[in-house]
C-alpha atoms as a PDB file:
ATOM      1  CA  MET A   1      28.468  13.949  31.319  1.00  0.00           C
ATOM      2  CA  PRO A   2      30.044  17.415  32.066  1.00  0.00           C
ATOM      3  CA  ARG A   3      29.810  20.019  29.248  1.00  0.00           C
ATOM      4  CA  LEU A   4      33.208  20.742  27.710  1.00  0.00           C
ATOM      5  CA  THR A   5      34.386  24.219  26.958  1.00  0.00           C
ATOM      6  CA  ALA A   6      35.477  25.278  23.484  1.00  0.00           C
ATOM      7  CA  ARG A   7      39.126  25.065  24.422  1.00  0.00           C
ATOM      8  CA  GLU A   8      38.698  21.544  25.824  1.00  0.00           C
ATOM      9  CA  ARG A   9      36.931  20.387  22.687  1.00  0.00           C
ATOM     10  CA  ARG A  10      39.739  21.783  20.469  1.00  0.00           C
ATOM     11  CA  GLU A  11      42.383  20.062  22.628  1.00  0.00           C
ATOM     12  CA  ALA A  12      40.419  16.737  22.522  1.00  0.00           C
ATOM     13  CA  TYR A  13      40.073  17.063  18.749  1.00  0.00           C
ATOM     14  CA  GLN A  14      43.772  17.754  18.336  1.00  0.00           C
ATOM     15  CA  ARG A  15      44.753  14.714  20.425  1.00  0.00           C
ATOM     16  CA  GLU A  16      42.403  12.531  18.372  1.00  0.00           C
ATOM     17  CA  HIS A  17      43.796  14.014  15.125  1.00  0.00           C
ATOM     18  CA  ASP A  18      47.409  13.406  16.133  1.00  0.00           C
ATOM     19  CA  PHE A  19      46.586   9.865  17.129  1.00  0.00           C
ATOM     20  CA  GLN A  20      44.921   9.095  13.822  1.00  0.00           C
ATOM     21  CA  VAL A  21      47.800  10.619  11.868  1.00  0.00           C
ATOM     22  CA  LYS A  22      50.218   8.232  13.649  1.00  0.00           C
ATOM     23  CA  THR A  23      48.136   5.052  13.648  1.00  0.00           C
ATOM     24  CA  GLY A  24      45.378   5.504  11.056  1.00  0.00           C
ATOM     25  CA  LYS A  25      45.264   4.611   7.436  1.00  0.00           C
ATOM     26  CA  ALA A  26      45.362   7.065   4.586  1.00  0.00           C
ATOM     27  CA  PHE A  27      42.338   7.591   2.346  1.00  0.00           C
ATOM     28  CA  PHE A  28      44.474   6.603  -0.664  1.00  0.00           C
ATOM     29  CA  PRO A  29      44.865   3.826  -1.332  1.00  0.00           C
ATOM     30  CA  TYR A  30      43.041   2.017   1.510  1.00  0.00           C
ATOM     31  CA  ALA A  31      39.496   3.631   1.341  1.00  0.00           C
ATOM     32  CA  ILE A  32      39.658   3.691  -2.487  1.00  0.00           C
ATOM     33  CA  PHE A  33      40.528   0.043  -2.495  1.00  0.00           C
ATOM     34  CA  HIS A  34      37.684  -0.913  -0.176  1.00  0.00           C
ATOM     35  CA  ASP A  35      35.122   1.088  -2.248  1.00  0.00           C
ATOM     36  CA  THR A  36      36.426  -0.505  -5.419  1.00  0.00           C
ATOM     37  CA  VAL A  37      36.045  -4.003  -4.047  1.00  0.00           C
ATOM     38  CA  ALA A  38      32.538  -3.289  -2.701  1.00  0.00           C
ATOM     39  CA  SER A  39      31.439  -1.800  -6.056  1.00  0.00           C
ATOM     40  CA  LEU A  40      32.933  -4.749  -7.915  1.00  0.00           C
ATOM     41  CA  VAL A  41      31.133  -7.288  -5.705  1.00  0.00           C
ATOM     42  CA  THR A  42      27.800  -5.466  -6.281  1.00  0.00           C
ATOM     43  CA  VAL A  43      28.240  -5.346 -10.071  1.00  0.00           C
ATOM     44  CA  VAL A  44      29.218  -9.037 -10.238  1.00  0.00           C
ATOM     45  CA  LEU A  45      26.230  -9.947  -8.136  1.00  0.00           C
ATOM     46  CA  ILE A  46      23.861  -8.094 -10.391  1.00  0.00           C
ATOM     47  CA  MET A  47      25.437  -9.561 -13.526  1.00  0.00           C
ATOM     48  CA  GLY A  48      25.347 -13.054 -12.056  1.00  0.00           C
ATOM     49  CA  MET A  49      21.637 -12.784 -11.178  1.00  0.00           C
ATOM     50  CA  SER A  50      20.913 -11.403 -14.652  1.00  0.00           C
ATOM     51  CA  ILE A  51      22.610 -14.329 -16.253  1.00  0.00           C
ATOM     52  CA  ILE A  52      20.866 -16.850 -14.042  1.00  0.00           C
ATOM     53  CA  TRP A  53      17.506 -15.164 -14.822  1.00  0.00           C
ATOM     54  CA  TRP A  54      18.232 -15.229 -18.564  1.00  0.00           C
ATOM     55  CA  ALA A  55      19.364 -18.895 -18.469  1.00  0.00           C
ATOM     56  CA  ASP A  56      16.065 -19.995 -16.969  1.00  0.00           C
ATOM     57  CA  PHE A  57      13.878 -18.478 -19.645  1.00  0.00           C
ATOM     58  CA  GLY A  58      11.313 -20.771 -21.181  1.00  0.00           C
ATOM     59  CA  PRO A  59      10.628 -21.067 -24.866  1.00  0.00           C
ATOM     60  CA  VAL A  60       9.115 -18.101 -26.690  1.00  0.00           C
ATOM     61  CA  PRO A  61       5.340 -18.732 -26.861  1.00  0.00           C
ATOM     62  CA  ASP A  62       3.553 -18.856 -30.191  1.00  0.00           C
ATOM     63  CA  ASP A  63       0.786 -16.642 -28.889  1.00  0.00           C
ATOM     64  CA  PRO A  64       2.095 -13.028 -28.944  1.00  0.00           C
ATOM     65  CA  GLU A  65      -0.361 -12.163 -26.075  1.00  0.00           C
ATOM     66  CA  ALA A  66       1.117 -14.868 -23.829  1.00  0.00           C
ATOM     67  CA  GLY A  67       3.930 -14.425 -21.305  1.00  0.00           C
ATOM     68  CA  ARG A  68       7.300 -16.161 -21.390  1.00  0.00           C
ATOM     69  CA  ALA A  69       8.082 -18.334 -18.328  1.00  0.00           C
ATOM     70  CA  GLY A  70      11.221 -18.085 -16.253  1.00  0.00           C
ATOM     71  CA  GLY A  71      12.899 -19.649 -13.197  1.00  0.00           C
ATOM     72  CA  PHE A  72      12.894 -18.765  -9.535  1.00  0.00           C
ATOM     73  CA  LEU A  73      14.043 -15.168 -10.321  1.00  0.00           C
ATOM     74  CA  GLY A  74      10.741 -14.523 -12.228  1.00  0.00           C
ATOM     75  CA  PRO A  75       9.393 -14.758 -15.757  1.00  0.00           C
ATOM     76  CA  ALA A  76      10.935 -13.164 -18.775  1.00  0.00           C
ATOM     77  CA  TYR A  77       7.645 -11.240 -19.263  1.00  0.00           C
ATOM     78  CA  GLU A  78       4.036 -11.798 -18.297  1.00  0.00           C
ATOM     79  CA  ASN A  79       0.881 -12.030 -20.326  1.00  0.00           C
ATOM     80  CA  ARG A  80      -0.127  -8.767 -22.079  1.00  0.00           C
ATOM     81  CA  ALA A  81      -2.258  -6.700 -19.789  1.00  0.00           C
ATOM     82  CA  ASP A  82      -5.990  -6.810 -20.370  1.00  0.00           C
ATOM     83  CA  PRO A  83      -7.575  -3.420 -19.446  1.00  0.00           C
ATOM     84  CA  GLY A  84     -11.052  -4.989 -19.563  1.00  0.00           C
ATOM     85  CA  THR A  85     -10.442  -7.626 -16.828  1.00  0.00           C
ATOM     86  CA  GLU A  86     -12.470  -7.358 -13.659  1.00  0.00           C
ATOM     87  CA  GLU A  87     -10.415  -9.801 -11.693  1.00  0.00           C
ATOM     88  CA  TYR A  88      -7.057  -7.982 -11.538  1.00  0.00           C
ATOM     89  CA  ASP A  89      -5.842  -7.404  -8.030  1.00  0.00           C
ATOM     90  CA  PRO A  90      -3.862  -4.112  -8.146  1.00  0.00           C
ATOM     91  CA  ARG A  91      -0.894  -4.002  -5.764  1.00  0.00           C
ATOM     92  CA  PRO A  92       2.140  -1.745  -5.417  1.00  0.00           C
ATOM     93  CA  GLU A  93       5.663  -2.833  -5.955  1.00  0.00           C
ATOM     94  CA  TRP A  94       7.158  -4.664  -2.963  1.00  0.00           C
ATOM     95  CA  TYR A  95       9.149  -1.624  -1.791  1.00  0.00           C
ATOM     96  CA  PHE A  96       5.887   0.249  -1.319  1.00  0.00           C
ATOM     97  CA  PHE A  97       4.189  -2.526   0.748  1.00  0.00           C
ATOM     98  CA  PHE A  98       4.935  -0.602   3.939  1.00  0.00           C
ATOM     99  CA  LEU A  99       2.830   2.326   2.689  1.00  0.00           C
ATOM    100  CA  PHE A 100       0.227  -0.130   1.466  1.00  0.00           C
ATOM    101  CA  GLN A 101      -0.068  -1.536   4.978  1.00  0.00           C
ATOM    102  CA  LEU A 102      -0.158   1.933   6.584  1.00  0.00           C
ATOM    103  CA  LEU A 103      -3.180   2.662   4.325  1.00  0.00           C
ATOM    104  CA  ARG A 104      -4.852  -0.518   5.627  1.00  0.00           C
ATOM    105  CA  ILE A 105      -4.125   0.473   9.236  1.00  0.00           C
ATOM    106  CA  PHE A 106      -5.235   4.142   8.985  1.00  0.00           C
ATOM    107  CA  LYS A 107      -8.541   3.606   7.228  1.00  0.00           C
ATOM    108  CA  GLU A 108     -10.273   6.909   8.024  1.00  0.00           C
ATOM    109  CA  PRO A 109      -9.942   9.558   5.181  1.00  0.00           C
ATOM    110  CA  GLU A 110      -8.690  12.218   7.590  1.00  0.00           C
ATOM    111  CA  MET A 111      -5.832   9.932   8.514  1.00  0.00           C
ATOM    112  CA  LEU A 112      -4.484   9.373   4.992  1.00  0.00           C
ATOM    113  CA  LEU A 113      -2.134  12.335   5.033  1.00  0.00           C
ATOM    114  CA  PHE A 114      -0.812  11.209   8.377  1.00  0.00           C
ATOM    115  CA  ALA A 115      -0.223   7.659   7.211  1.00  0.00           C
ATOM    116  CA  THR A 116       1.305   8.227   3.785  1.00  0.00           C
ATOM    117  CA  ILE A 117       3.310  11.418   4.231  1.00  0.00           C
ATOM    118  CA  ILE A 118       3.789  12.550   7.808  1.00  0.00           C
ATOM    119  CA  ILE A 119       4.855   9.244   9.337  1.00  0.00           C
ATOM    120  CA  PRO A 120       7.434   8.240   6.651  1.00  0.00           C
ATOM    121  CA  THR A 121       8.767  11.868   6.450  1.00  0.00           C
ATOM    122  CA  LEU A 122       9.228  12.062  10.211  1.00  0.00           C
ATOM    123  CA  LEU A 123      11.130   8.748  10.224  1.00  0.00           C
ATOM    124  CA  MET A 124      13.406   9.825   7.395  1.00  0.00           C
ATOM    125  CA  VAL A 125      14.083  13.261   8.889  1.00  0.00           C
ATOM    126  CA  LEU A 126      14.784  11.788  12.255  1.00  0.00           C
ATOM    127  CA  MET A 127      17.255   9.238  10.850  1.00  0.00           C
ATOM    128  CA  MET A 128      19.080  11.951   8.863  1.00  0.00           C
ATOM    129  CA  ALA A 129      19.060  14.459  11.677  1.00  0.00           C
ATOM    130  CA  TRP A 130      20.155  12.108  14.493  1.00  0.00           C
ATOM    131  CA  PRO A 131      23.964  12.346  13.852  1.00  0.00           C
ATOM    132  CA  PHE A 132      23.552  16.121  14.237  1.00  0.00           C
ATOM    133  CA  ILE A 133      21.381  15.771  17.403  1.00  0.00           C
ATOM    134  CA  ASP A 134      23.554  13.254  19.191  1.00  0.00           C
ATOM    135  CA  ARG A 135      27.112  14.530  18.651  1.00  0.00           C
ATOM    136  CA  ARG A 136      28.837  12.728  21.490  1.00  0.00           C
ATOM    137  CA  PRO A 137      32.135  11.009  20.563  1.00  0.00           C
ATOM    138  CA  GLU A 138      30.999   7.839  22.363  1.00  0.00           C
ATOM    139  CA  ARG A 139      31.076   4.859  20.062  1.00  0.00           C
ATOM    140  CA  ARG A 140      30.278   2.021  22.457  1.00  0.00           C
ATOM    141  CA  VAL A 141      26.840   0.568  21.668  1.00  0.00           C
ATOM    142  CA  SER A 142      25.816   0.034  25.303  1.00  0.00           C
ATOM    143  CA  ARG A 143      26.291   3.766  25.998  1.00  0.00           C
ATOM    144  CA  ARG A 144      24.089   4.998  23.126  1.00  0.00           C
ATOM    145  CA  PRO A 145      20.731   3.343  23.842  1.00  0.00           C
ATOM    146  CA  ILE A 146      18.545   5.957  22.165  1.00  0.00           C
ATOM    147  CA  ALA A 147      20.514   5.956  18.968  1.00  0.00           C
ATOM    148  CA  MET A 148      20.601   2.137  18.870  1.00  0.00           C
ATOM    149  CA  VAL A 149      16.837   1.826  19.564  1.00  0.00           C
ATOM    150  CA  LEU A 150      16.194   4.312  16.749  1.00  0.00           C
ATOM    151  CA  ALA A 151      18.521   2.547  14.347  1.00  0.00           C
ATOM    152  CA  VAL A 152      17.122  -0.916  15.025  1.00  0.00           C
ATOM    153  CA  ALA A 153      13.427  -0.049  15.424  1.00  0.00           C
ATOM    154  CA  THR A 154      13.108   1.860  12.129  1.00  0.00           C
ATOM    155  CA  PRO A 155      14.179  -0.939   9.769  1.00  0.00           C
ATOM    156  CA  VAL A 156      12.389  -3.565  11.931  1.00  0.00           C
ATOM    157  CA  ALA A 157       9.139  -1.566  11.662  1.00  0.00           C
ATOM    158  CA  LEU A 158       9.574  -1.062   7.887  1.00  0.00           C
ATOM    159  CA  MET A 159      10.233  -4.819   7.407  1.00  0.00           C
ATOM    160  CA  PHE A 160       7.254  -5.741   9.535  1.00  0.00           C
ATOM    161  CA  LEU A 161       4.945  -3.371   7.647  1.00  0.00           C
ATOM    162  CA  THR A 162       6.325  -4.618   4.315  1.00  0.00           C
ATOM    163  CA  TRP A 163       5.629  -8.276   5.331  1.00  0.00           C
ATOM    164  CA  GLU A 164       2.160  -7.519   6.493  1.00  0.00           C
ATOM    165  CA  GLY A 165       1.402  -5.494   3.366  1.00  0.00           C
ATOM    166  CA  SER A 166       2.465  -8.421   1.201  1.00  0.00           C
ATOM    167  CA  LYS A 167      -0.139 -10.605   2.929  1.00  0.00           C
ATOM    168  CA  ALA A 168      -3.067  -8.240   2.299  1.00  0.00           C
ATOM    169  CA  PRO A 169      -6.146 -10.217   1.175  1.00  0.00           C
ATOM    170  CA  ALA A 170      -6.692 -10.271  -2.593  1.00  0.00           C
ATOM    171  CA  VAL A 171      -9.562  -8.495  -4.208  1.00  0.00           C
ATOM    172  CA  GLY A 172     -11.961 -10.818  -6.091  1.00  0.00           C
ATOM    173  CA  ALA A 173     -14.378 -10.372  -8.931  1.00  0.00           C
ATOM    174  CA  ALA A 174     -17.773  -8.697  -8.549  1.00  0.00           C
ATOM    175  CA  SER A 175     -20.835 -10.852  -8.184  1.00  0.00           C
ATOM    176  CA  ASP A 176     -23.683 -10.740 -10.769  1.00  0.00           C
ATOM    177  CA  HIS A 177     -26.096  -9.140  -8.277  1.00  0.00           C
ATOM    178  CA  PRO A 178     -27.796  -5.906  -9.435  1.00  0.00           C
ATOM    179  CA  GLY A 179     -25.574  -2.947  -8.585  1.00  0.00           C
ATOM    180  CA  ALA A 180     -22.401  -4.985  -7.971  1.00  0.00           C
ATOM    181  CA  ALA A 181     -20.736  -4.042 -11.215  1.00  0.00           C
ATOM    182  CA  ALA A 182     -21.723  -0.393 -10.832  1.00  0.00           C
ATOM    183  CA  PHE A 183     -20.325  -0.357  -7.325  1.00  0.00           C
ATOM    184  CA  ALA A 184     -17.018  -1.957  -8.391  1.00  0.00           C
ATOM    185  CA  ASN A 185     -16.475  -0.402 -11.819  1.00  0.00           C
ATOM    186  CA  PHE A 186     -18.875   2.182 -13.248  1.00  0.00           C
ATOM    187  CA  GLN A 187     -18.977   4.176 -10.023  1.00  0.00           C
ATOM    188  CA  PRO A 188     -15.746   2.975  -8.440  1.00  0.00           C
ATOM    189  CA  CYS A 189     -16.861   2.869  -4.851  1.00  0.00           C
ATOM    190  CA  GLY A 190     -14.515  -0.106  -4.369  1.00  0.00           C
ATOM    191  CA  THR A 191     -11.516   2.211  -4.583  1.00  0.00           C
ATOM    192  CA  CYS A 192     -12.382   3.424  -1.190  1.00  0.00           C
ATOM    193  CA  HIS A 193     -14.554   0.711   0.370  1.00  0.00           C
ATOM    194  CA  THR A 194     -14.384  -3.029   1.110  1.00  0.00           C
ATOM    195  CA  LEU A 195     -17.408  -5.025   0.144  1.00  0.00           C
ATOM    196  CA  ALA A 196     -16.821  -8.710  -0.417  1.00  0.00           C
ATOM    197  CA  ASP A 197     -19.838  -9.291  -2.731  1.00  0.00           C
ATOM    198  CA  ALA A 198     -18.518  -6.624  -5.124  1.00  0.00           C
ATOM    199  CA  GLY A 199     -14.915  -8.018  -4.868  1.00  0.00           C
ATOM    200  CA  THR A 200     -13.535  -4.721  -3.643  1.00  0.00           C
ATOM    201  CA  GLY A 201     -10.984  -4.101  -0.921  1.00  0.00           C
ATOM    202  CA  GLY A 202     -10.581  -0.304  -0.603  1.00  0.00           C
ATOM    203  CA  THR A 203      -9.329   0.973   2.761  1.00  0.00           C
ATOM    204  CA  VAL A 204      -9.884   4.719   2.366  1.00  0.00           C
ATOM    205  CA  GLY A 205     -13.476   4.673   3.621  1.00  0.00           C
ATOM    206  CA  PRO A 206     -15.285   2.444   6.037  1.00  0.00           C
ATOM    207  CA  ASN A 207     -15.444  -1.344   5.538  1.00  0.00           C
ATOM    208  CA  LEU A 208     -19.092  -1.807   4.449  1.00  0.00           C
ATOM    209  CA  ASP A 209     -19.136  -5.478   5.425  1.00  0.00           C
ATOM    210  CA  THR A 210     -18.543  -4.517   9.034  1.00  0.00           C
ATOM    211  CA  SER A 211     -20.413  -1.221   9.213  1.00  0.00           C
ATOM    212  CA  ASN A 212     -23.497  -2.678   7.507  1.00  0.00           C
ATOM    213  CA  PRO A 213     -25.344   0.596   6.711  1.00  0.00           C
ATOM    214  CA  ASP A 214     -29.121   0.428   6.131  1.00  0.00           C
ATOM    215  CA  TYR A 215     -30.750   1.753   2.981  1.00  0.00           C
ATOM    216  CA  ALA A 216     -31.569   5.215   4.274  1.00  0.00           C
ATOM    217  CA  THR A 217     -28.103   5.809   5.639  1.00  0.00           C
ATOM    218  CA  ALA A 218     -26.340   4.594   2.467  1.00  0.00           C
ATOM    219  CA  LEU A 219     -28.623   6.615   0.245  1.00  0.00           C
ATOM    220  CA  ALA A 220     -28.077   9.878   2.204  1.00  0.00           C
ATOM    221  CA  ILE A 221     -24.288   9.521   2.195  1.00  0.00           C
ATOM    222  CA  ILE A 222     -24.081   8.490  -1.528  1.00  0.00           C
ATOM    223  CA  ALA A 223     -26.363  11.339  -2.576  1.00  0.00           C
ATOM    224  CA  ASP A 224     -25.039  14.103  -0.339  1.00  0.00           C
ATOM    225  CA  GLY A 225     -21.569  12.979   0.498  1.00  0.00           C
ATOM    226  CA  LYS A 226     -19.839  12.869   3.916  1.00  0.00           C
ATOM    227  CA  GLY A 227     -16.300  13.846   4.897  1.00  0.00           C
ATOM    228  CA  ALA A 228     -13.942  13.079   2.003  1.00  0.00           C
ATOM    229  CA  MET A 229     -16.707  11.202   0.095  1.00  0.00           C
ATOM    230  CA  PRO A 230     -18.177  13.351  -2.687  1.00  0.00           C
ATOM    231  CA  ALA A 231     -21.898  14.013  -3.246  1.00  0.00           C
ATOM    232  CA  PHE A 232     -22.735  11.679  -6.203  1.00  0.00           C
ATOM    233  CA  LYS A 233     -26.115  13.390  -6.725  1.00  0.00           C
ATOM    234  CA  ALA A 234     -24.277  16.598  -7.567  1.00  0.00           C
ATOM    235  CA  GLN A 235     -22.119  14.628 -10.005  1.00  0.00           C
ATOM    236  CA  GLY A 236     -25.068  13.689 -12.127  1.00  0.00           C
ATOM    237  CA  LEU A 237     -26.379  10.324 -10.862  1.00  0.00           C
ATOM    238  CA  THR A 238     -30.033   9.868 -11.248  1.00  0.00           C
ATOM    239  CA  ASP A 239     -32.433   8.920  -8.408  1.00  0.00           C
ATOM    240  CA  ASP A 240     -32.616   5.411  -9.748  1.00  0.00           C
ATOM    241  CA  GLN A 241     -28.835   5.067  -9.855  1.00  0.00           C
ATOM    242  CA  LEU A 242     -28.495   6.370  -6.347  1.00  0.00           C
ATOM    243  CA  SER A 243     -31.287   4.110  -5.097  1.00  0.00           C
ATOM    244  CA  CYS A 244     -29.693   1.107  -6.841  1.00  0.00           C
ATOM    245  CA  LEU A 245     -26.321   1.677  -5.191  1.00  0.00           C
ATOM    246  CA  ALA A 246     -27.894   2.232  -1.771  1.00  0.00           C
ATOM    247  CA  GLY A 247     -30.139  -0.782  -2.132  1.00  0.00           C
ATOM    248  CA  TYR A 248     -27.168  -2.967  -3.251  1.00  0.00           C
ATOM    249  CA  ILE A 249     -25.072  -1.888  -0.270  1.00  0.00           C
ATOM    250  CA  ALA A 250     -27.929  -2.423   2.222  1.00  0.00           C
ATOM    251  CA  THR A 251     -28.681  -5.851   0.755  1.00  0.00           C
ATOM    252  CA  TRP A 252     -25.212  -7.313   0.236  1.00  0.00           C
ATOM    253  CA  ALA A 253     -22.987  -5.659   2.806  1.00  0.00           C
ATOM    254  CA  GLY A 254     -22.079  -8.311   5.402  1.00  0.00           C
ATOM    255  CA  ALA A 255     -23.546 -11.108   3.301  1.00  0.00           C
ATOM    256  CA  GLN A 256     -22.583 -14.603   4.432  1.00  0.00           C
ATOM    257  CA  ALA A 257     -22.562 -17.753   2.282  1.00  0.00           C
ATOM    258  CA  GLY A 258     -24.531 -16.126  -0.496  1.00  0.00           C
ATOM    259  CA  ALA A 259     -27.333 -14.973   1.831  1.00  0.00           C
ATOM    260  CA  PRO A 260     -28.205 -11.240   1.912  1.00  0.00           C
ATOM    261  CA  GLY A 261     -26.777  -9.129   4.705  1.00  0.00           C
ATOM    262  CA  PRO A 262     -28.565  -8.136   7.964  1.00  0.00           C
ATOM    263  CA  LYS A 263     -29.854  -4.763   6.593  1.00  0.00           C
ATOM    264  CA  ALA A 264     -31.357  -6.329   3.427  1.00  0.00           C
ATOM    265  CA  PRO A 265     -34.934  -5.798   4.618  1.00  0.00           C
ATOM    266  CA  THR A 266     -34.390  -2.008   4.575  1.00  0.00           C
ATOM    267  CA  ALA A 267     -33.467  -1.958   0.814  1.00  0.00           C
ATOM    268  CA  GLU A 268     -36.421  -0.090  -0.642  1.00  0.00           C
ATOM    269  CA  GLY A 269     -37.110  -0.674  -4.338  1.00  0.00           C
ATOM    270  CA  TYR A 270     -34.088  -2.945  -4.832  1.00  0.00           C
ATOM    271  CA  PRO A 271     -33.414  -4.524  -7.379  1.00  0.00           C
ATOM    272  CA  ASP A 272     -36.101  -2.815  -9.463  1.00  0.00           C
ATOM    273  CA  SER A 273     -34.254   0.496  -9.183  1.00  0.00           C
ATOM    274  CA  CYS A 274     -31.178  -1.082 -10.716  1.00  0.00           C
ATOM    275  CA  THR A 275     -33.174  -2.210 -13.739  1.00  0.00           C
ATOM    276  CA  ALA A 276     -34.513   1.291 -14.132  1.00  0.00           C
ATOM    277  CA  ALA A 277     -31.012   2.766 -13.748  1.00  0.00           C
ATOM    278  CA  GLY A 278     -29.751   1.068 -16.927  1.00  0.00           C
ATOM    279  CA  PRO A 279     -27.726  -1.930 -18.074  1.00  0.00           C
ATOM    280  CA  ASP A 280     -24.553  -0.898 -16.266  1.00  0.00           C
ATOM    281  CA  TYR A 281     -26.509  -1.117 -13.020  1.00  0.00           C
ATOM    282  CA  ALA A 282     -28.871  -3.975 -13.694  1.00  0.00           C
ATOM    283  CA  GLY A 283     -26.434  -6.869 -13.666  1.00  0.00           C
ATOM    284  CA  ALA A 284     -27.121 -10.487 -14.594  1.00  0.00           C
ATOM    285  CA  GLY A 285     -29.383 -10.886 -11.520  1.00  0.00           C
ATOM    286  CA  ALA A 286     -31.696  -7.955 -12.218  1.00  0.00           C
ATOM    287  CA  GLY A 287     -35.220  -8.606 -11.279  1.00  0.00           C
ATOM    288  CA  GLY A 288     -34.351 -11.695  -9.288  1.00  0.00           C
END
């Protein structure tokens, strides 16, 4: 497409302006009317859904801690939150599922910034900047392939990531094995790591069920840290506590059908180290 001079652009603009003055519709009342109708439809839709939601409420429960049931639009309110539960599966709101899925895809700590900030920001900036980048007057879809691919691919990618994020596997409760509760709760390793026996599903650090570290490797990393992982020995954990966590990981990472994992023979001093580490580490299965 030949590049137009400033004079040619002014003349083309003037011709388009004169044509729109003769054949176009004025902002008032046409655009005002369209905006009013669209706003009214939106408000009526929200009010209608609110009324339907309210009409489906169940009876008020006698137990003040219990939730109140509702219809297909959701309950009136749920059970009062229990901060002591170990079985709660924390998840973001549905409109953050795409970020949730990106965190599951980019599991390495050094990729977190790229997944959660750089990628979404680049997409938003590109979408907002594209009308200023592509300033051609062409309106035919077939003649604007790049703009159409960008406009279609972005929402499709967001919907796909949202859908996949909504299907993320749930996090279960920790077992009663020595060290499991400490791994999942007292020293929240599960925030960053997945280990099925502990009921954790963190995606920041490596998946321990697939990496299966032996005792020496786990102990060295827990004590001295590695990458984004802090050095827990410097944070005040005792030798018994460090040994308990390392032994638990070596024993139960990659466990199948209740049987210890493949690196269990390397777990030195486990589970005796958990008993020595204290009740928060011992668990119901200490000494067994």
